[in-house]
Amino acid sequence: MTTLLPILAAILLPALLIAALLFAYYKLKKNKVRSPFTQNCLREPGYSLRLQLEQIDESFMGFIILITGVPMYFFAAHITLSYFSGLEETVFRTGFSTTLGALMIIFAIVKLMRLAAQRHNVRLALDGEISAGQLLDPLKRKGFYIYHDVQAKGFYIDHILIGPSGVFTVKTKACSKLDRGAETADSEVVFDGNQLIFPDHTDAKAIDEATQQAQWFKQWLIDALGEEVHVHPLLVVPGWHIDHQVKSDEIGITNGADLEFIESARANTPLSKSQIEQITHQLEQKCTTPCFKL
């Protein structure tokens, strides 16, 4: 029994220390206070991506603690077994402890690298949605209602515009630019009618997703209002110059700086004041979330 106590201490104490650090981290995040705001708020641009970013940061912190705690854990266990339990110091034991600790650290580093790449992509997408939201904001002065982060089944719609000229679902495509010194060439994306052609890749998926989201929202409006309302899909690519080689009647593609064509749709699918009120009422029930969760 006396021999087992140092062994158990060597194994359990470092593990308990790591667990205590994690517990303290999450405990600090959840103070025993509640928000003074009881009303629900409309979601801001990038709300879902902001939540994803918080989850990634929490996972990142966990693996940082793992990297710092694992060497201490194996060192403490090895020293305790060698000097307090009377186990002989051998090359095998030293190699085993070192190898096991190194494998755990390598595992954590690989996870951190993947999380860092994921965080970069989510952060870029979040910045894109915030930028698109700001570019769309002037439409409010022209009678449009703008809703962000509209939840659907298994996905969400970045933005929805409701105004005199119709209903628009908006998907944001945020894409980094190459840094080769060719400012004009590396800032232009070509739309050939089927896909977006960037300087280093092509993308047809964003166009398909924007179209599918418009179709889903059209059906949602039929179910909610009992009448069919045409929904225009719109794809916003902030920060890029769009070269329209082909004009499409199926989808509007813009960098967000030129939104006059949205008003030009008035003659095709105008909405009455009553329709706008009905649609916005339904959306406001769908697009709210508790304000400032603590």
C-alpha atoms as a PDB file:
ATOM      1  CA  MET A   1       0.000   0.000   0.000  1.00  0.00           C
ATOM      2  CA  THR A   2       2.839   2.361   0.906  1.00  0.00           C
ATOM      3  CA  THR A   3       4.436   1.673  -2.485  1.00  0.00           C
ATOM      4  CA  LEU A   4       1.210   2.402  -4.369  1.00  0.00           C
ATOM      5  CA  LEU A   5       0.641   5.835  -2.872  1.00  0.00           C
ATOM      6  CA  PRO A   6       3.544   7.570  -4.697  1.00  0.00           C
ATOM      7  CA  ILE A   7       2.531   5.850  -7.926  1.00  0.00           C
ATOM      8  CA  LEU A   8      -1.070   7.002  -7.601  1.00  0.00           C
ATOM      9  CA  ALA A   9       0.089  10.489  -6.659  1.00  0.00           C
ATOM     10  CA  ALA A  10       2.385  10.628  -9.687  1.00  0.00           C
ATOM     11  CA  ILE A  11      -0.447   9.641 -12.009  1.00  0.00           C
ATOM     12  CA  LEU A  12      -3.384  11.446 -10.465  1.00  0.00           C
ATOM     13  CA  LEU A  13      -2.007  14.755  -9.200  1.00  0.00           C
ATOM     14  CA  PRO A  14      -0.843  16.155 -12.584  1.00  0.00           C
ATOM     15  CA  ALA A  15      -4.075  14.948 -14.192  1.00  0.00           C
ATOM     16  CA  LEU A  16      -6.096  16.628 -11.446  1.00  0.00           C
ATOM     17  CA  LEU A  17      -4.098  19.816 -11.931  1.00  0.00           C
ATOM     18  CA  ILE A  18      -4.876  19.879 -15.651  1.00  0.00           C
ATOM     19  CA  ALA A  19      -8.547  19.145 -14.929  1.00  0.00           C
ATOM     20  CA  ALA A  20      -8.576  21.974 -12.357  1.00  0.00           C
ATOM     21  CA  LEU A  21      -7.149  24.411 -14.910  1.00  0.00           C
ATOM     22  CA  LEU A  22      -9.808  23.477 -17.454  1.00  0.00           C
ATOM     23  CA  PHE A  23     -12.545  23.688 -14.842  1.00  0.00           C
ATOM     24  CA  ALA A  24     -11.338  27.129 -13.715  1.00  0.00           C
ATOM     25  CA  TYR A  25     -11.244  28.350 -17.329  1.00  0.00           C
ATOM     26  CA  TYR A  26     -14.833  27.323 -18.064  1.00  0.00           C
ATOM     27  CA  LYS A  27     -16.019  28.442 -14.626  1.00  0.00           C
ATOM     28  CA  LEU A  28     -14.696  31.936 -15.212  1.00  0.00           C
ATOM     29  CA  LYS A  29     -16.617  32.050 -18.486  1.00  0.00           C
ATOM     30  CA  LYS A  30     -19.878  31.249 -16.713  1.00  0.00           C
ATOM     31  CA  ASN A  31     -20.108  33.658 -13.824  1.00  0.00           C
ATOM     32  CA  LYS A  32     -23.204  33.397 -11.672  1.00  0.00           C
ATOM     33  CA  VAL A  33     -24.796  36.480 -13.142  1.00  0.00           C
ATOM     34  CA  ARG A  34     -27.560  37.016 -15.626  1.00  0.00           C
ATOM     35  CA  SER A  35     -28.109  39.509 -18.360  1.00  0.00           C
ATOM     36  CA  PRO A  36     -30.243  42.547 -17.522  1.00  0.00           C
ATOM     37  CA  PHE A  37     -31.696  42.425 -21.043  1.00  0.00           C
ATOM     38  CA  THR A  38     -34.846  40.332 -21.231  1.00  0.00           C
ATOM     39  CA  GLN A  39     -35.971  41.133 -24.751  1.00  0.00           C
ATOM     40  CA  ASN A  40     -34.877  39.236 -27.837  1.00  0.00           C
ATOM     41  CA  CYS A  41     -32.734  40.937 -30.492  1.00  0.00           C
ATOM     42  CA  LEU A  42     -32.452  40.469 -34.216  1.00  0.00           C
ATOM     43  CA  ARG A  43     -29.300  38.579 -35.112  1.00  0.00           C
ATOM     44  CA  GLU A  44     -26.406  40.649 -36.409  1.00  0.00           C
ATOM     45  CA  PRO A  45     -24.372  39.786 -39.537  1.00  0.00           C
ATOM     46  CA  GLY A  46     -22.241  36.691 -38.977  1.00  0.00           C
ATOM     47  CA  TYR A  47     -23.967  35.624 -35.740  1.00  0.00           C
ATOM     48  CA  SER A  48     -23.579  31.882 -36.416  1.00  0.00           C
ATOM     49  CA  LEU A  49     -19.963  32.308 -37.509  1.00  0.00           C
ATOM     50  CA  ARG A  50     -19.214  34.270 -34.351  1.00  0.00           C
ATOM     51  CA  LEU A  51     -20.489  31.327 -32.287  1.00  0.00           C
ATOM     52  CA  GLN A  52     -18.307  28.961 -34.337  1.00  0.00           C
ATOM     53  CA  LEU A  53     -15.318  31.205 -33.692  1.00  0.00           C
ATOM     54  CA  GLU A  54     -15.960  31.089 -29.940  1.00  0.00           C
ATOM     55  CA  GLN A  55     -16.123  27.280 -30.016  1.00  0.00           C
ATOM     56  CA  ILE A  56     -12.864  27.086 -31.966  1.00  0.00           C
ATOM     57  CA  ASP A  57     -11.176  29.411 -29.463  1.00  0.00           C
ATOM     58  CA  GLU A  58     -12.359  27.214 -26.583  1.00  0.00           C
ATOM     59  CA  SER A  59     -10.956  24.100 -28.262  1.00  0.00           C
ATOM     60  CA  PHE A  60      -7.745  25.981 -29.001  1.00  0.00           C
ATOM     61  CA  MET A  61      -7.357  26.874 -25.328  1.00  0.00           C
ATOM     62  CA  GLY A  62      -7.920  23.231 -24.331  1.00  0.00           C
ATOM     63  CA  PHE A  63      -5.117  21.973 -26.562  1.00  0.00           C
ATOM     64  CA  ILE A  64      -2.793  24.757 -25.369  1.00  0.00           C
ATOM     65  CA  ILE A  65      -3.352  23.517 -21.809  1.00  0.00           C
ATOM     66  CA  LEU A  66      -2.750  19.948 -22.998  1.00  0.00           C
ATOM     67  CA  ILE A  67       0.587  20.880 -24.562  1.00  0.00           C
ATOM     68  CA  THR A  68       1.757  22.641 -21.409  1.00  0.00           C
ATOM     69  CA  GLY A  69       0.406  19.982 -19.048  1.00  0.00           C
ATOM     70  CA  VAL A  70       1.500  16.744 -20.751  1.00  0.00           C
ATOM     71  CA  PRO A  71       5.277  17.226 -20.304  1.00  0.00           C
ATOM     72  CA  MET A  72       4.725  18.074 -16.643  1.00  0.00           C
ATOM     73  CA  TYR A  73       2.516  15.009 -16.215  1.00  0.00           C
ATOM     74  CA  PHE A  74       4.985  12.494 -17.657  1.00  0.00           C
ATOM     75  CA  PHE A  75       7.983  14.119 -15.972  1.00  0.00           C
ATOM     76  CA  ALA A  76       6.281  14.012 -12.563  1.00  0.00           C
ATOM     77  CA  ALA A  77       5.190  10.390 -13.041  1.00  0.00           C
ATOM     78  CA  HIS A  78       8.644   9.293 -14.172  1.00  0.00           C
ATOM     79  CA  ILE A  79      10.479  11.055 -11.322  1.00  0.00           C
ATOM     80  CA  THR A  80       8.053   9.730  -8.719  1.00  0.00           C
ATOM     81  CA  LEU A  81       8.358   6.141  -9.914  1.00  0.00           C
ATOM     82  CA  SER A  82      12.152   6.417 -10.042  1.00  0.00           C
ATOM     83  CA  TYR A  83      12.907   8.132  -6.725  1.00  0.00           C
ATOM     84  CA  PHE A  84       9.944   7.331  -4.485  1.00  0.00           C
ATOM     85  CA  SER A  85       8.865   3.865  -5.614  1.00  0.00           C
ATOM     86  CA  GLY A  86      12.282   2.364  -6.026  1.00  0.00           C
ATOM     87  CA  LEU A  87      11.840   1.442  -9.702  1.00  0.00           C
ATOM     88  CA  GLU A  88      15.099   1.146 -11.532  1.00  0.00           C
ATOM     89  CA  GLU A  89      15.966   3.890 -13.985  1.00  0.00           C
ATOM     90  CA  THR A  90      16.280   2.209 -17.396  1.00  0.00           C
ATOM     91  CA  VAL A  91      16.637   3.308 -20.984  1.00  0.00           C
ATOM     92  CA  PHE A  92      13.335   1.593 -21.771  1.00  0.00           C
ATOM     93  CA  ARG A  93      11.393   3.480 -19.087  1.00  0.00           C
ATOM     94  CA  THR A  94      12.935   6.790 -20.039  1.00  0.00           C
ATOM     95  CA  GLY A  95      12.330   6.163 -23.742  1.00  0.00           C
ATOM     96  CA  PHE A  96       8.757   5.008 -23.105  1.00  0.00           C
ATOM     97  CA  SER A  97       7.853   8.096 -21.065  1.00  0.00           C
ATOM     98  CA  THR A  98       9.538  10.441 -23.531  1.00  0.00           C
ATOM     99  CA  THR A  99       7.941   8.790 -26.575  1.00  0.00           C
ATOM    100  CA  LEU A 100       4.456   8.762 -25.048  1.00  0.00           C
ATOM    101  CA  GLY A 101       4.745  12.391 -24.012  1.00  0.00           C
ATOM    102  CA  ALA A 102       6.082  13.387 -27.432  1.00  0.00           C
ATOM    103  CA  LEU A 103       3.208  11.604 -29.206  1.00  0.00           C
ATOM    104  CA  MET A 104       0.666  13.444 -27.081  1.00  0.00           C
ATOM    105  CA  ILE A 105       2.339  16.767 -27.821  1.00  0.00           C
ATOM    106  CA  ILE A 106       2.491  16.005 -31.562  1.00  0.00           C
ATOM    107  CA  PHE A 107      -1.210  15.089 -31.490  1.00  0.00           C
ATOM    108  CA  ALA A 108      -2.055  18.382 -29.785  1.00  0.00           C
ATOM    109  CA  ILE A 109       0.110  20.376 -32.224  1.00  0.00           C
ATOM    110  CA  VAL A 110      -1.592  18.758 -35.236  1.00  0.00           C
ATOM    111  CA  LYS A 111      -5.008  19.581 -33.763  1.00  0.00           C
ATOM    112  CA  LEU A 112      -3.895  23.159 -33.103  1.00  0.00           C
ATOM    113  CA  MET A 113      -2.697  23.564 -36.694  1.00  0.00           C
ATOM    114  CA  ARG A 114      -6.050  22.315 -38.008  1.00  0.00           C
ATOM    115  CA  LEU A 115      -7.923  24.580 -35.627  1.00  0.00           C
ATOM    116  CA  ALA A 116      -5.770  27.533 -36.723  1.00  0.00           C
ATOM    117  CA  ALA A 117      -6.608  26.860 -40.392  1.00  0.00           C
ATOM    118  CA  GLN A 118     -10.298  26.444 -39.527  1.00  0.00           C
ATOM    119  CA  ARG A 119     -10.229  29.638 -37.497  1.00  0.00           C
ATOM    120  CA  HIS A 120      -8.691  31.548 -40.422  1.00  0.00           C
ATOM    121  CA  ASN A 121     -11.470  30.388 -42.754  1.00  0.00           C
ATOM    122  CA  VAL A 122     -14.242  31.150 -40.269  1.00  0.00           C
ATOM    123  CA  ARG A 123     -12.750  34.564 -39.490  1.00  0.00           C
ATOM    124  CA  LEU A 124     -12.555  35.376 -43.218  1.00  0.00           C
ATOM    125  CA  ALA A 125     -16.177  34.307 -43.709  1.00  0.00           C
ATOM    126  CA  LEU A 126     -17.239  36.368 -40.686  1.00  0.00           C
ATOM    127  CA  ASP A 127     -15.460  39.467 -41.984  1.00  0.00           C
ATOM    128  CA  GLY A 128     -17.132  38.882 -45.348  1.00  0.00           C
ATOM    129  CA  GLU A 129     -20.619  38.740 -43.821  1.00  0.00           C
ATOM    130  CA  ILE A 130     -19.983  41.848 -41.729  1.00  0.00           C
ATOM    131  CA  SER A 131     -18.685  43.677 -44.803  1.00  0.00           C
ATOM    132  CA  ALA A 132     -21.669  42.579 -46.910  1.00  0.00           C
ATOM    133  CA  GLY A 133     -24.053  43.640 -44.155  1.00  0.00           C
ATOM    134  CA  GLN A 134     -22.522  47.114 -44.097  1.00  0.00           C
ATOM    135  CA  LEU A 135     -22.640  47.369 -47.892  1.00  0.00           C
ATOM    136  CA  LEU A 136     -26.320  46.432 -47.882  1.00  0.00           C
ATOM    137  CA  ASP A 137     -27.198  48.808 -45.048  1.00  0.00           C
ATOM    138  CA  PRO A 138     -27.836  51.908 -47.252  1.00  0.00           C
ATOM    139  CA  LEU A 139     -30.807  50.040 -48.751  1.00  0.00           C
ATOM    140  CA  LYS A 140     -32.668  50.706 -45.488  1.00  0.00           C
ATOM    141  CA  ARG A 141     -32.938  54.361 -46.545  1.00  0.00           C
ATOM    142  CA  LYS A 142     -34.715  53.180 -49.690  1.00  0.00           C
ATOM    143  CA  GLY A 143     -37.446  51.281 -47.907  1.00  0.00           C
ATOM    144  CA  PHE A 144     -35.765  47.907 -47.426  1.00  0.00           C
ATOM    145  CA  TYR A 145     -35.826  45.714 -44.343  1.00  0.00           C
ATOM    146  CA  ILE A 146     -32.642  43.698 -43.841  1.00  0.00           C
ATOM    147  CA  TYR A 147     -32.386  40.492 -41.802  1.00  0.00           C
ATOM    148  CA  HIS A 148     -29.195  38.602 -41.051  1.00  0.00           C
ATOM    149  CA  ASP A 149     -28.294  35.025 -40.254  1.00  0.00           C
ATOM    150  CA  VAL A 150     -31.709  33.535 -41.043  1.00  0.00           C
ATOM    151  CA  GLN A 151     -31.761  29.949 -39.798  1.00  0.00           C
ATOM    152  CA  ALA A 152     -32.976  27.207 -42.142  1.00  0.00           C
ATOM    153  CA  LYS A 153     -32.835  23.409 -42.062  1.00  0.00           C
ATOM    154  CA  GLY A 154     -29.147  22.524 -41.801  1.00  0.00           C
ATOM    155  CA  PHE A 155     -27.908  25.888 -43.077  1.00  0.00           C
ATOM    156  CA  TYR A 156     -28.529  29.600 -42.723  1.00  0.00           C
ATOM    157  CA  ILE A 157     -29.054  32.471 -45.134  1.00  0.00           C
ATOM    158  CA  ASP A 158     -26.525  35.267 -44.652  1.00  0.00           C
ATOM    159  CA  HIS A 159     -28.920  38.144 -45.377  1.00  0.00           C
ATOM    160  CA  ILE A 160     -32.473  38.658 -46.607  1.00  0.00           C
ATOM    161  CA  LEU A 161     -33.740  41.892 -48.169  1.00  0.00           C
ATOM    162  CA  ILE A 162     -37.429  42.814 -48.163  1.00  0.00           C
ATOM    163  CA  GLY A 163     -38.379  45.966 -50.030  1.00  0.00           C
ATOM    164  CA  PRO A 164     -40.626  47.585 -52.637  1.00  0.00           C
ATOM    165  CA  SER A 165     -38.804  45.870 -55.504  1.00  0.00           C
ATOM    166  CA  GLY A 166     -39.067  42.367 -54.080  1.00  0.00           C
ATOM    167  CA  VAL A 167     -37.495  39.736 -51.861  1.00  0.00           C
ATOM    168  CA  PHE A 168     -33.779  38.921 -52.109  1.00  0.00           C
ATOM    169  CA  THR A 169     -31.777  36.200 -50.399  1.00  0.00           C
ATOM    170  CA  VAL A 170     -28.113  37.138 -50.141  1.00  0.00           C
ATOM    171  CA  LYS A 171     -25.169  34.772 -49.907  1.00  0.00           C
ATOM    172  CA  THR A 172     -21.722  36.171 -49.131  1.00  0.00           C
ATOM    173  CA  LYS A 173     -18.615  34.741 -50.778  1.00  0.00           C
ATOM    174  CA  ALA A 174     -15.482  35.907 -48.959  1.00  0.00           C
ATOM    175  CA  CYS A 175     -12.256  35.033 -50.734  1.00  0.00           C
ATOM    176  CA  SER A 176      -8.670  36.071 -50.030  1.00  0.00           C
ATOM    177  CA  LYS A 177      -6.651  37.704 -52.793  1.00  0.00           C
ATOM    178  CA  LEU A 178      -3.258  36.619 -54.015  1.00  0.00           C
ATOM    179  CA  ASP A 179      -0.440  38.990 -53.137  1.00  0.00           C
ATOM    180  CA  ARG A 180       1.679  38.971 -56.290  1.00  0.00           C
ATOM    181  CA  GLY A 181       1.913  42.688 -56.903  1.00  0.00           C
ATOM    182  CA  ALA A 182      -0.608  42.494 -59.756  1.00  0.00           C
ATOM    183  CA  GLU A 183      -3.329  44.507 -58.027  1.00  0.00           C
ATOM    184  CA  THR A 184      -5.764  44.720 -60.958  1.00  0.00           C
ATOM    185  CA  ALA A 185      -5.420  41.147 -62.195  1.00  0.00           C
ATOM    186  CA  ASP A 186      -5.579  39.665 -58.711  1.00  0.00           C
ATOM    187  CA  SER A 187      -8.671  41.693 -57.773  1.00  0.00           C
ATOM    188  CA  GLU A 188     -10.948  40.591 -60.604  1.00  0.00           C
ATOM    189  CA  VAL A 189     -13.354  37.659 -60.642  1.00  0.00           C
ATOM    190  CA  VAL A 190     -15.091  36.612 -63.850  1.00  0.00           C
ATOM    191  CA  PHE A 191     -18.662  35.299 -64.007  1.00  0.00           C
ATOM    192  CA  ASP A 192     -19.145  33.197 -67.144  1.00  0.00           C
ATOM    193  CA  GLY A 193     -22.769  32.296 -66.486  1.00  0.00           C
ATOM    194  CA  ASN A 194     -22.011  29.080 -64.615  1.00  0.00           C
ATOM    195  CA  GLN A 195     -19.175  29.761 -62.214  1.00  0.00           C
ATOM    196  CA  LEU A 196     -16.958  32.384 -60.629  1.00  0.00           C
ATOM    197  CA  ILE A 197     -13.431  32.381 -62.043  1.00  0.00           C
ATOM    198  CA  PHE A 198     -10.910  33.726 -59.532  1.00  0.00           C
ATOM    199  CA  PRO A 199      -7.212  34.224 -60.391  1.00  0.00           C
ATOM    200  CA  ASP A 200      -6.257  30.938 -58.702  1.00  0.00           C
ATOM    201  CA  HIS A 201      -9.449  28.828 -58.657  1.00  0.00           C
ATOM    202  CA  THR A 202     -13.037  28.522 -59.832  1.00  0.00           C
ATOM    203  CA  ASP A 203     -16.212  28.285 -57.757  1.00  0.00           C
ATOM    204  CA  ALA A 204     -19.603  27.075 -58.945  1.00  0.00           C
ATOM    205  CA  LYS A 205     -20.730  25.892 -55.505  1.00  0.00           C
ATOM    206  CA  ALA A 206     -21.472  29.383 -54.190  1.00  0.00           C
ATOM    207  CA  ILE A 207     -23.820  30.057 -57.113  1.00  0.00           C
ATOM    208  CA  ASP A 208     -25.655  26.768 -56.599  1.00  0.00           C
ATOM    209  CA  GLU A 209     -25.994  27.413 -52.863  1.00  0.00           C
ATOM    210  CA  ALA A 210     -27.320  30.938 -53.422  1.00  0.00           C
ATOM    211  CA  THR A 211     -29.933  29.598 -55.844  1.00  0.00           C
ATOM    212  CA  GLN A 212     -30.958  26.762 -53.518  1.00  0.00           C
ATOM    213  CA  GLN A 213     -31.307  29.147 -50.591  1.00  0.00           C
ATOM    214  CA  ALA A 214     -33.663  31.356 -52.626  1.00  0.00           C
ATOM    215  CA  GLN A 215     -35.759  28.310 -53.524  1.00  0.00           C
ATOM    216  CA  TRP A 216     -35.912  27.214 -49.879  1.00  0.00           C
ATOM    217  CA  PHE A 217     -36.993  30.674 -48.732  1.00  0.00           C
ATOM    218  CA  LYS A 218     -39.608  30.866 -51.472  1.00  0.00           C
ATOM    219  CA  GLN A 219     -41.162  27.644 -50.180  1.00  0.00           C
ATOM    220  CA  TRP A 220     -40.917  28.924 -46.592  1.00  0.00           C
ATOM    221  CA  LEU A 221     -42.858  32.037 -47.595  1.00  0.00           C
ATOM    222  CA  ILE A 222     -45.539  29.909 -49.261  1.00  0.00           C
ATOM    223  CA  ASP A 223     -45.937  27.908 -46.045  1.00  0.00           C
ATOM    224  CA  ALA A 224     -45.914  31.031 -43.844  1.00  0.00           C
ATOM    225  CA  LEU A 225     -48.104  33.341 -45.956  1.00  0.00           C
ATOM    226  CA  GLY A 226     -50.172  30.977 -48.066  1.00  0.00           C
ATOM    227  CA  GLU A 227     -49.161  32.754 -51.265  1.00  0.00           C
ATOM    228  CA  GLU A 228     -46.255  32.577 -53.696  1.00  0.00           C
ATOM    229  CA  VAL A 229     -43.705  35.386 -53.701  1.00  0.00           C
ATOM    230  CA  HIS A 230     -40.811  35.465 -56.117  1.00  0.00           C
ATOM    231  CA  VAL A 231     -37.397  35.390 -54.414  1.00  0.00           C
ATOM    232  CA  HIS A 232     -34.292  36.727 -56.170  1.00  0.00           C
ATOM    233  CA  PRO A 233     -30.978  35.045 -55.287  1.00  0.00           C
ATOM    234  CA  LEU A 234     -28.068  37.422 -54.848  1.00  0.00           C
ATOM    235  CA  LEU A 235     -24.376  36.611 -54.412  1.00  0.00           C
ATOM    236  CA  VAL A 236     -22.118  39.280 -52.875  1.00  0.00           C
ATOM    237  CA  VAL A 237     -18.329  38.997 -53.293  1.00  0.00           C
ATOM    238  CA  PRO A 238     -16.951  41.883 -51.174  1.00  0.00           C
ATOM    239  CA  GLY A 239     -13.712  43.549 -52.243  1.00  0.00           C
ATOM    240  CA  TRP A 240     -13.586  42.087 -55.765  1.00  0.00           C
ATOM    241  CA  HIS A 241     -14.254  43.608 -59.176  1.00  0.00           C
ATOM    242  CA  ILE A 242     -16.901  41.522 -60.974  1.00  0.00           C
ATOM    243  CA  ASP A 243     -16.516  40.989 -64.717  1.00  0.00           C
ATOM    244  CA  HIS A 244     -19.888  39.822 -66.039  1.00  0.00           C
ATOM    245  CA  GLN A 245     -19.086  38.005 -69.258  1.00  0.00           C
ATOM    246  CA  VAL A 246     -22.650  36.716 -69.256  1.00  0.00           C
ATOM    247  CA  LYS A 247     -25.706  38.471 -67.833  1.00  0.00           C
ATOM    248  CA  SER A 248     -27.836  36.086 -65.825  1.00  0.00           C
ATOM    249  CA  ASP A 249     -31.556  36.370 -65.116  1.00  0.00           C
ATOM    250  CA  GLU A 250     -31.290  33.595 -62.537  1.00  0.00           C
ATOM    251  CA  ILE A 251     -28.931  35.255 -60.031  1.00  0.00           C
ATOM    252  CA  GLY A 252     -27.478  38.675 -59.313  1.00  0.00           C
ATOM    253  CA  ILE A 253     -23.746  38.871 -58.591  1.00  0.00           C
ATOM    254  CA  THR A 254     -22.163  41.990 -57.155  1.00  0.00           C
ATOM    255  CA  ASN A 255     -19.325  43.174 -54.948  1.00  0.00           C
ATOM    256  CA  GLY A 256     -21.871  45.147 -52.944  1.00  0.00           C
ATOM    257  CA  ALA A 257     -20.713  48.563 -54.132  1.00  0.00           C
ATOM    258  CA  ASP A 258     -23.338  48.764 -56.891  1.00  0.00           C
ATOM    259  CA  LEU A 259     -26.826  47.807 -55.727  1.00  0.00           C
ATOM    260  CA  GLU A 260     -28.913  49.877 -58.144  1.00  0.00           C
ATOM    261  CA  PHE A 261     -30.062  46.764 -59.986  1.00  0.00           C
ATOM    262  CA  ILE A 262     -31.987  45.722 -56.864  1.00  0.00           C
ATOM    263  CA  GLU A 263     -34.234  48.746 -57.267  1.00  0.00           C
ATOM    264  CA  SER A 264     -34.567  48.040 -60.988  1.00  0.00           C
ATOM    265  CA  ALA A 265     -36.346  44.766 -60.180  1.00  0.00           C
ATOM    266  CA  ARG A 266     -39.369  46.812 -59.063  1.00  0.00           C
ATOM    267  CA  ALA A 267     -41.134  46.439 -62.411  1.00  0.00           C
ATOM    268  CA  ASN A 268     -40.850  42.632 -62.348  1.00  0.00           C
ATOM    269  CA  THR A 269     -41.879  41.615 -58.830  1.00  0.00           C
ATOM    270  CA  PRO A 270     -43.069  44.613 -56.795  1.00  0.00           C
ATOM    271  CA  LEU A 271     -44.335  44.077 -53.260  1.00  0.00           C
ATOM    272  CA  SER A 272     -47.305  45.878 -51.789  1.00  0.00           C
ATOM    273  CA  LYS A 273     -47.091  47.521 -48.373  1.00  0.00           C
ATOM    274  CA  SER A 274     -49.295  44.766 -46.986  1.00  0.00           C
ATOM    275  CA  GLN A 275     -47.027  42.031 -48.355  1.00  0.00           C
ATOM    276  CA  ILE A 276     -43.945  43.712 -46.903  1.00  0.00           C
ATOM    277  CA  GLU A 277     -45.607  43.908 -43.479  1.00  0.00           C
ATOM    278  CA  GLN A 278     -46.627  40.235 -43.581  1.00  0.00           C
ATOM    279  CA  ILE A 279     -43.177  39.002 -44.644  1.00  0.00           C
ATOM    280  CA  THR A 280     -41.272  41.173 -42.164  1.00  0.00           C
ATOM    281  CA  HIS A 281     -43.581  40.071 -39.344  1.00  0.00           C
ATOM    282  CA  GLN A 282     -42.833  36.412 -40.074  1.00  0.00           C
ATOM    283  CA  LEU A 283     -39.088  37.050 -40.367  1.00  0.00           C
ATOM    284  CA  GLU A 284     -38.886  38.976 -37.132  1.00  0.00           C
ATOM    285  CA  GLN A 285     -40.317  35.942 -35.317  1.00  0.00           C
ATOM    286  CA  LYS A 286     -37.689  33.744 -36.954  1.00  0.00           C
ATOM    287  CA  CYS A 287     -34.579  35.929 -36.719  1.00  0.00           C
ATOM    288  CA  THR A 288     -34.456  36.833 -33.036  1.00  0.00           C
ATOM    289  CA  THR A 289     -32.175  35.498 -30.340  1.00  0.00           C
ATOM    290  CA  PRO A 290     -31.687  36.378 -26.633  1.00  0.00           C
ATOM    291  CA  CYS A 291     -29.676  39.577 -26.294  1.00  0.00           C
ATOM    292  CA  PHE A 292     -26.193  39.506 -24.805  1.00  0.00           C
ATOM    293  CA  LYS A 293     -26.004  36.042 -23.288  1.00  0.00           C
ATOM    294  CA  LEU A 294     -23.591  35.971 -20.340  1.00  0.00           C
END
